Amino acid sequence: MKELFPSHDEQLARLTRIEGQVRGIRKMIEDRRYCVDIATQIKAVKAALTKVELGVLEKHIHHCVADAVASGDPQEIETKIVEIVRLVGRMS
C-alpha cells in the first residue's frame, strides 16, 4: 500500500528536478534572458522546494512524532512538539 505522504525517494527525485531547474535559471541569467521569465522560473523553484519541505515535515510527523507519542515518554513528546513549533515558525 502506498503511503499518503511522500517517501524520501520521491523527495530525492523532486530535488533532482529542482537542481535541473536551478541550472536552467543560471543558464537563463548567463544568456541574459528576459527578467520576468527568470523571475517566473525562480518562483517555480521556490514552490517546488516548499512542496519538498512540507513533504519532509509530513513524513517527520507521521514517523518520528508518532513514534514519540506511541512511546508515552513525556520528554520525548515535548521535544518533538518543540521541534515542530520551531520549524513551522521559521517557514514562510
Protein backbone atom coordinates (compact mmCIF):
# COMPACT_ATOMS: atom_id res chain seq x y z
CA MET A 1 0.00 0.00 0.00
CA LYS A 2 1.37 3.42 -0.97
CA GLU A 3 1.92 5.84 1.88
CA LEU A 4 -0.19 9.00 1.89
CA PHE A 5 2.88 11.21 2.26
CA PRO A 6 5.97 11.42 0.04
CA SER A 7 8.82 8.99 0.66
CA HIS A 8 12.42 10.10 0.86
CA ASP A 9 12.96 8.56 -2.59
CA GLU A 10 10.18 10.72 -4.01
CA GLN A 11 11.69 13.77 -2.33
CA LEU A 12 15.10 12.95 -3.82
CA ALA A 13 13.52 12.74 -7.28
CA ARG A 14 11.89 16.13 -6.74
CA LEU A 15 15.20 17.60 -5.60
CA THR A 16 16.89 16.26 -8.73
CA ARG A 17 14.28 18.05 -10.85
CA ILE A 18 14.78 21.22 -8.80
CA GLU A 19 18.55 21.03 -9.39
CA GLY A 20 17.83 20.94 -13.10
CA GLN A 21 15.53 23.94 -12.78
CA VAL A 22 18.21 25.90 -10.91
CA ARG A 23 20.78 25.07 -13.61
CA GLY A 24 18.23 26.29 -16.15
CA ILE A 25 17.83 29.56 -14.27
CA ARG A 26 21.60 30.00 -14.18
CA LYS A 27 21.71 29.48 -17.97
CA MET A 28 18.87 31.96 -18.45
CA ILE A 29 20.82 34.57 -16.49
CA GLU A 30 24.05 33.81 -18.38
CA ASP A 31 22.12 34.18 -21.65
CA ARG A 32 20.65 37.49 -20.46
CA ARG A 33 17.10 36.23 -20.87
CA TYR A 34 14.06 38.35 -20.10
CA CYS A 35 13.94 39.16 -16.38
CA VAL A 36 10.26 38.30 -15.95
CA ASP A 37 10.90 34.83 -17.42
CA ILE A 38 13.78 34.33 -14.98
CA ALA A 39 11.68 35.51 -12.04
CA THR A 40 8.89 33.13 -13.08
CA GLN A 41 11.31 30.20 -13.01
CA ILE A 42 12.65 31.28 -9.61
CA LYS A 43 9.10 31.29 -8.23
CA ALA A 44 8.59 27.78 -9.63
CA VAL A 45 11.73 26.56 -7.84
CA LYS A 46 10.63 28.16 -4.59
CA ALA A 47 7.22 26.47 -4.88
CA ALA A 48 8.87 23.12 -5.61
CA LEU A 49 11.17 23.49 -2.58
CA THR A 50 8.19 24.36 -0.39
CA LYS A 51 6.49 21.16 -1.55
CA VAL A 52 9.59 19.14 -0.61
CA GLU A 53 9.78 20.93 2.74
CA LEU A 54 6.16 20.13 3.55
CA GLY A 55 6.61 16.51 2.46
CA VAL A 56 9.62 16.07 4.74
CA LEU A 57 7.71 17.68 7.61
CA GLU A 58 4.72 15.44 6.98
CA LYS A 59 6.93 12.33 6.96
CA HIS A 60 8.55 13.51 10.21
CA ILE A 61 5.16 13.90 11.85
CA HIS A 62 3.90 10.52 10.65
CA HIS A 63 7.03 8.68 11.77
CA CYS A 64 9.15 10.49 14.36
CA VAL A 65 6.38 12.36 16.15
CA ALA A 66 4.03 9.38 16.02
CA ASP A 67 6.78 7.16 17.46
CA ALA A 68 7.36 9.66 20.27
CA VAL A 69 3.65 9.72 21.10
CA ALA A 70 3.46 5.91 20.97
CA SER A 71 6.42 5.68 23.36
CA GLY A 72 4.43 7.54 26.00
CA ASP A 73 7.61 9.34 27.11
CA PRO A 74 6.51 12.89 28.02
CA GLN A 75 10.04 14.29 27.49
CA GLU A 76 10.31 12.76 24.01
CA ILE A 77 6.83 14.00 23.09
CA GLU A 78 7.65 17.52 24.31
CA THR A 79 10.93 17.51 22.35
CA LYS A 80 9.08 16.63 19.12
CA ILE A 81 6.41 19.28 19.74
CA VAL A 82 9.05 21.95 20.31
CA GLU A 83 10.89 20.87 17.12
CA ILE A 84 7.72 21.16 15.05
CA VAL A 85 6.70 24.53 16.53
CA ARG A 86 10.18 25.97 15.89
CA LEU A 87 10.29 24.64 12.36
CA VAL A 88 6.82 25.93 11.47
CA GLY A 89 7.76 29.29 12.98
CA ARG A 90 10.68 29.54 10.52
CA MET A 91 8.59 28.55 7.50
CA SER A 92 7.33 31.33 5.28
